[in-house]
Amino acid sequence: GFGPEAVRNAGDAERQLHAASRAAQAGAEQRSNILVARARLLEGRALIALKQPARAIRSLEEAKRIYGGARHFRGVHMVDEALESARAAVPR
Protein backbone atom coordinates (compact mmCIF):
# COMPACT_ATOMS: atom_id res chain seq x y z
CA GLY A 1 0.00 0.00 0.00
CA PHE A 2 0.92 3.66 -0.26
CA GLY A 3 -0.31 4.74 3.17
CA PRO A 4 1.90 5.79 6.07
CA GLU A 5 1.62 2.25 7.42
CA ALA A 6 3.47 0.99 4.34
CA VAL A 7 6.82 1.80 5.93
CA ARG A 8 7.33 -0.67 8.78
CA ASN A 9 11.06 -0.35 9.52
CA ALA A 10 14.27 1.24 8.31
CA GLY A 11 14.90 -1.52 5.75
CA ASP A 12 11.44 -1.02 4.27
CA ALA A 13 11.97 2.74 4.28
CA GLU A 14 15.30 2.42 2.46
CA ARG A 15 13.69 0.19 -0.19
CA GLN A 16 10.76 2.60 -0.53
CA LEU A 17 13.16 5.53 -0.87
CA HIS A 18 15.02 3.80 -3.73
CA ALA A 19 11.76 2.77 -5.40
CA ALA A 20 10.45 6.33 -5.13
CA SER A 21 13.62 7.67 -6.70
CA ARG A 22 13.28 5.27 -9.64
CA ALA A 23 9.59 6.18 -10.00
CA ALA A 24 10.39 9.90 -10.03
CA GLN A 25 12.98 9.34 -12.75
CA ALA A 26 10.50 7.27 -14.79
CA GLY A 27 7.83 9.94 -14.35
CA ALA A 28 10.21 12.64 -15.53
CA GLU A 29 11.22 10.57 -18.56
CA GLN A 30 7.55 9.95 -19.41
CA ARG A 31 6.68 13.58 -18.70
CA SER A 32 4.12 12.36 -16.16
CA ASN A 33 3.89 15.01 -13.47
CA ILE A 34 1.41 12.95 -11.45
CA LEU A 35 3.84 10.01 -11.35
CA VAL A 36 6.58 12.38 -10.18
CA ALA A 37 4.26 13.81 -7.50
CA ARG A 38 3.34 10.29 -6.30
CA ALA A 39 7.03 9.38 -6.17
CA ARG A 40 7.86 12.51 -4.16
CA LEU A 41 5.03 11.70 -1.74
CA LEU A 42 6.38 8.17 -1.24
CA GLU A 43 9.90 9.55 -0.92
CA GLY A 44 8.72 11.99 1.74
CA ARG A 45 7.01 9.24 3.73
CA ALA A 46 10.14 7.10 3.57
CA LEU A 47 12.30 10.01 4.73
CA ILE A 48 9.97 10.59 7.68
CA ALA A 49 10.42 6.93 8.64
CA LEU A 50 14.19 7.36 8.28
CA LYS A 51 14.07 10.32 10.69
CA GLN A 52 15.03 12.85 7.99
CA PRO A 53 12.09 15.28 8.26
CA ALA A 54 13.83 18.26 6.63
CA ARG A 55 14.52 16.24 3.47
CA ALA A 56 10.98 14.85 3.66
CA ILE A 57 9.51 18.34 3.72
CA ARG A 58 11.42 19.29 0.55
CA SER A 59 10.11 16.21 -1.30
CA LEU A 60 6.59 16.70 -0.01
CA GLU A 61 6.51 20.39 -0.94
CA GLU A 62 7.48 19.43 -4.51
CA ALA A 63 4.69 16.83 -4.55
CA LYS A 64 2.19 19.40 -3.28
CA ARG A 65 3.24 21.94 -5.92
CA ILE A 66 2.74 19.36 -8.69
CA TYR A 67 -0.55 18.00 -7.35
CA GLY A 68 -1.86 21.52 -6.80
CA GLY A 69 -0.90 22.58 -10.30
CA ALA A 70 -2.76 19.57 -11.68
CA ARG A 71 -5.77 20.35 -9.46
CA HIS A 72 -5.38 16.84 -7.98
CA PHE A 73 -6.98 17.64 -4.64
CA ARG A 74 -6.79 14.11 -3.23
CA GLY A 75 -3.04 14.21 -3.85
CA VAL A 76 -2.77 17.59 -2.13
CA HIS A 77 -4.67 16.19 0.85
CA MET A 78 -2.38 13.14 1.11
CA VAL A 79 0.68 15.39 0.95
CA ASP A 80 -0.75 17.74 3.59
CA GLU A 81 -1.15 14.80 5.98
CA ALA A 82 2.45 13.69 5.37
CA LEU A 83 3.71 17.28 5.74
CA GLU A 84 2.01 17.50 9.12
CA SER A 85 3.92 14.39 10.25
CA ALA A 86 7.20 15.67 8.83
CA ARG A 87 6.87 19.07 10.46
CA ALA A 88 6.01 17.47 13.80
CA ALA A 89 9.21 15.41 13.55
CA VAL A 90 11.54 18.40 13.01
CA PRO A 91 13.64 18.93 16.14
CA ARG A 92 12.75 22.18 17.88
C-alpha atoms as a PDB file:
ATOM      1  CA  GLY A   1       0.000   0.000   0.000  1.00  0.00           C
ATOM      2  CA  PHE A   2       0.916   3.662  -0.262  1.00  0.00           C
ATOM      3  CA  GLY A   3      -0.314   4.738   3.174  1.00  0.00           C
ATOM      4  CA  PRO A   4       1.905   5.795   6.070  1.00  0.00           C
ATOM      5  CA  GLU A   5       1.616   2.247   7.422  1.00  0.00           C
ATOM      6  CA  ALA A   6       3.473   0.993   4.344  1.00  0.00           C
ATOM      7  CA  VAL A   7       6.819   1.802   5.930  1.00  0.00           C
ATOM      8  CA  ARG A   8       7.334  -0.667   8.775  1.00  0.00           C
ATOM      9  CA  ASN A   9      11.060  -0.354   9.519  1.00  0.00           C
ATOM     10  CA  ALA A  10      14.271   1.240   8.313  1.00  0.00           C
ATOM     11  CA  GLY A  11      14.896  -1.519   5.752  1.00  0.00           C
ATOM     12  CA  ASP A  12      11.439  -1.018   4.268  1.00  0.00           C
ATOM     13  CA  ALA A  13      11.974   2.737   4.284  1.00  0.00           C
ATOM     14  CA  GLU A  14      15.300   2.418   2.459  1.00  0.00           C
ATOM     15  CA  ARG A  15      13.688   0.192  -0.189  1.00  0.00           C
ATOM     16  CA  GLN A  16      10.763   2.596  -0.526  1.00  0.00           C
ATOM     17  CA  LEU A  17      13.163   5.527  -0.873  1.00  0.00           C
ATOM     18  CA  HIS A  18      15.018   3.795  -3.726  1.00  0.00           C
ATOM     19  CA  ALA A  19      11.763   2.770  -5.404  1.00  0.00           C
ATOM     20  CA  ALA A  20      10.446   6.333  -5.134  1.00  0.00           C
ATOM     21  CA  SER A  21      13.625   7.668  -6.701  1.00  0.00           C
ATOM     22  CA  ARG A  22      13.276   5.269  -9.641  1.00  0.00           C
ATOM     23  CA  ALA A  23       9.591   6.179 -10.003  1.00  0.00           C
ATOM     24  CA  ALA A  24      10.386   9.898 -10.035  1.00  0.00           C
ATOM     25  CA  GLN A  25      12.975   9.341 -12.753  1.00  0.00           C
ATOM     26  CA  ALA A  26      10.502   7.272 -14.793  1.00  0.00           C
ATOM     27  CA  GLY A  27       7.828   9.940 -14.350  1.00  0.00           C
ATOM     28  CA  ALA A  28      10.208  12.638 -15.528  1.00  0.00           C
ATOM     29  CA  GLU A  29      11.217  10.567 -18.558  1.00  0.00           C
ATOM     30  CA  GLN A  30       7.553   9.946 -19.413  1.00  0.00           C
ATOM     31  CA  ARG A  31       6.677  13.583 -18.703  1.00  0.00           C
ATOM     32  CA  SER A  32       4.118  12.355 -16.163  1.00  0.00           C
ATOM     33  CA  ASN A  33       3.891  15.013 -13.467  1.00  0.00           C
ATOM     34  CA  ILE A  34       1.409  12.947 -11.450  1.00  0.00           C
ATOM     35  CA  LEU A  35       3.840  10.013 -11.351  1.00  0.00           C
ATOM     36  CA  VAL A  36       6.578  12.383 -10.178  1.00  0.00           C
ATOM     37  CA  ALA A  37       4.256  13.807  -7.503  1.00  0.00           C
ATOM     38  CA  ARG A  38       3.336  10.294  -6.303  1.00  0.00           C
ATOM     39  CA  ALA A  39       7.026   9.382  -6.169  1.00  0.00           C
ATOM     40  CA  ARG A  40       7.864  12.514  -4.159  1.00  0.00           C
ATOM     41  CA  LEU A  41       5.027  11.702  -1.741  1.00  0.00           C
ATOM     42  CA  LEU A  42       6.377   8.174  -1.238  1.00  0.00           C
ATOM     43  CA  GLU A  43       9.898   9.546  -0.918  1.00  0.00           C
ATOM     44  CA  GLY A  44       8.717  11.989   1.742  1.00  0.00           C
ATOM     45  CA  ARG A  45       7.005   9.243   3.730  1.00  0.00           C
ATOM     46  CA  ALA A  46      10.139   7.098   3.566  1.00  0.00           C
ATOM     47  CA  LEU A  47      12.299  10.010   4.727  1.00  0.00           C
ATOM     48  CA  ILE A  48       9.971  10.594   7.677  1.00  0.00           C
ATOM     49  CA  ALA A  49      10.418   6.931   8.641  1.00  0.00           C
ATOM     50  CA  LEU A  50      14.193   7.356   8.282  1.00  0.00           C
ATOM     51  CA  LYS A  51      14.071  10.325  10.690  1.00  0.00           C
ATOM     52  CA  GLN A  52      15.032  12.853   7.990  1.00  0.00           C
ATOM     53  CA  PRO A  53      12.092  15.281   8.259  1.00  0.00           C
ATOM     54  CA  ALA A  54      13.833  18.263   6.630  1.00  0.00           C
ATOM     55  CA  ARG A  55      14.522  16.240   3.473  1.00  0.00           C
ATOM     56  CA  ALA A  56      10.984  14.845   3.663  1.00  0.00           C
ATOM     57  CA  ILE A  57       9.514  18.339   3.723  1.00  0.00           C
ATOM     58  CA  ARG A  58      11.416  19.293   0.547  1.00  0.00           C
ATOM     59  CA  SER A  59      10.109  16.207  -1.299  1.00  0.00           C
ATOM     60  CA  LEU A  60       6.591  16.701  -0.008  1.00  0.00           C
ATOM     61  CA  GLU A  61       6.510  20.387  -0.944  1.00  0.00           C
ATOM     62  CA  GLU A  62       7.478  19.434  -4.507  1.00  0.00           C
ATOM     63  CA  ALA A  63       4.690  16.834  -4.550  1.00  0.00           C
ATOM     64  CA  LYS A  64       2.193  19.405  -3.275  1.00  0.00           C
ATOM     65  CA  ARG A  65       3.237  21.941  -5.918  1.00  0.00           C
ATOM     66  CA  ILE A  66       2.737  19.356  -8.694  1.00  0.00           C
ATOM     67  CA  TYR A  67      -0.548  18.004  -7.347  1.00  0.00           C
ATOM     68  CA  GLY A  68      -1.855  21.525  -6.800  1.00  0.00           C
ATOM     69  CA  GLY A  69      -0.897  22.575 -10.304  1.00  0.00           C
ATOM     70  CA  ALA A  70      -2.764  19.572 -11.679  1.00  0.00           C
ATOM     71  CA  ARG A  71      -5.775  20.345  -9.463  1.00  0.00           C
ATOM     72  CA  HIS A  72      -5.376  16.843  -7.980  1.00  0.00           C
ATOM     73  CA  PHE A  73      -6.975  17.639  -4.643  1.00  0.00           C
ATOM     74  CA  ARG A  74      -6.786  14.115  -3.232  1.00  0.00           C
ATOM     75  CA  GLY A  75      -3.038  14.210  -3.852  1.00  0.00           C
ATOM     76  CA  VAL A  76      -2.767  17.592  -2.133  1.00  0.00           C
ATOM     77  CA  HIS A  77      -4.671  16.189   0.854  1.00  0.00           C
ATOM     78  CA  MET A  78      -2.381  13.144   1.113  1.00  0.00           C
ATOM     79  CA  VAL A  79       0.681  15.394   0.951  1.00  0.00           C
ATOM     80  CA  ASP A  80      -0.754  17.741   3.592  1.00  0.00           C
ATOM     81  CA  GLU A  81      -1.149  14.801   5.983  1.00  0.00           C
ATOM     82  CA  ALA A  82       2.450  13.695   5.374  1.00  0.00           C
ATOM     83  CA  LEU A  83       3.705  17.282   5.743  1.00  0.00           C
ATOM     84  CA  GLU A  84       2.010  17.501   9.122  1.00  0.00           C
ATOM     85  CA  SER A  85       3.917  14.388  10.254  1.00  0.00           C
ATOM     86  CA  ALA A  86       7.197  15.669   8.832  1.00  0.00           C
ATOM     87  CA  ARG A  87       6.874  19.074  10.457  1.00  0.00           C
ATOM     88  CA  ALA A  88       6.009  17.471  13.804  1.00  0.00           C
ATOM     89  CA  ALA A  89       9.213  15.408  13.547  1.00  0.00           C
ATOM     90  CA  VAL A  90      11.536  18.398  13.012  1.00  0.00           C
ATOM     91  CA  PRO A  91      13.636  18.934  16.136  1.00  0.00           C
ATOM     92  CA  ARG A  92      12.747  22.181  17.884  1.00  0.00           C
END
